[in-house]
Amino acid sequence: MSGDLAPGDEAAPGTPGTGEDVCRTCNGSGRIDGSACPTCGGSGIVTEGIGGG
C-alpha cells in the first residue's frame, strides 16, 4: 500500500500504534459492484488503530 490515506484509514501506514486490517466494506476484495471500494481505495486493506491498555 502506498503512503496515501484511503478514506477508511484512521492513520497513515507505518504510524506507531496502528496496523493493517481487512476492509469491512468490501471484505478485503477491494471491489464493490465492479468498481474500486470507496473505503479502502481498492486495496482491500485499511490502516486502523490497535487497542491497548
Protein backbone atom coordinates (compact mmCIF):
# COMPACT_ATOMS: atom_id res chain seq x y z
CA MET A 1 0.00 0.00 0.00
CA SER A 2 1.29 3.47 -0.76
CA GLY A 3 1.72 6.18 1.84
CA ASP A 4 -1.53 7.81 0.77
CA LEU A 5 -4.53 7.58 3.06
CA ALA A 6 -7.62 5.78 1.85
CA PRO A 7 -10.95 7.15 3.12
CA GLY A 8 -11.24 4.24 5.59
CA ASP A 9 -7.75 4.69 7.06
CA GLU A 10 -7.51 6.05 10.61
CA ALA A 11 -3.82 6.94 10.20
CA ALA A 12 -1.01 6.80 7.66
CA PRO A 13 0.58 3.39 7.12
CA GLY A 14 3.50 2.85 9.47
CA THR A 15 2.17 5.16 12.19
CA PRO A 16 3.05 3.74 15.62
CA GLY A 17 0.05 2.13 17.31
CA THR A 18 -1.63 1.18 14.02
CA GLY A 19 -1.87 -1.91 11.89
CA GLU A 20 -3.42 -3.13 8.68
CA ASP A 21 -6.81 -4.81 8.71
CA VAL A 22 -9.15 -6.20 6.08
CA CYS A 23 -11.59 -3.59 4.80
CA ARG A 24 -15.01 -4.38 6.26
CA THR A 25 -16.86 -2.64 3.43
CA CYS A 26 -15.58 -4.93 0.64
CA ASN A 27 -14.39 -7.84 2.84
CA GLY A 28 -10.87 -7.44 1.51
CA SER A 29 -11.70 -7.79 -2.18
CA GLY A 30 -11.04 -4.12 -2.98
CA ARG A 31 -14.08 -4.07 -5.27
CA ILE A 32 -17.77 -3.31 -4.87
CA ASP A 33 -20.14 -3.73 -7.82
CA GLY A 34 -17.21 -3.85 -10.24
CA SER A 35 -15.63 -0.59 -9.02
CA ALA A 36 -12.87 0.21 -6.54
CA CYS A 37 -14.13 0.17 -2.96
CA PRO A 38 -14.58 3.75 -1.72
CA THR A 39 -13.45 2.85 1.81
CA CYS A 40 -10.08 1.23 1.04
CA GLY A 41 -9.45 2.79 -2.35
CA GLY A 42 -9.33 -0.64 -3.99
CA SER A 43 -6.56 -2.15 -1.85
CA GLY A 44 -8.78 -4.32 0.36
CA ILE A 45 -6.79 -3.12 3.39
CA VAL A 46 -7.30 -0.22 5.81
CA THR A 47 -4.94 1.12 8.49
CA GLU A 48 -6.55 1.20 11.94
CA GLY A 49 -5.53 1.97 15.46
CA ILE A 50 -4.80 -1.09 17.56
CA GLY A 51 -6.16 -1.35 21.06
CA GLY A 52 -4.06 -1.32 24.14
CA GLY A 53 -4.05 -0.94 27.80
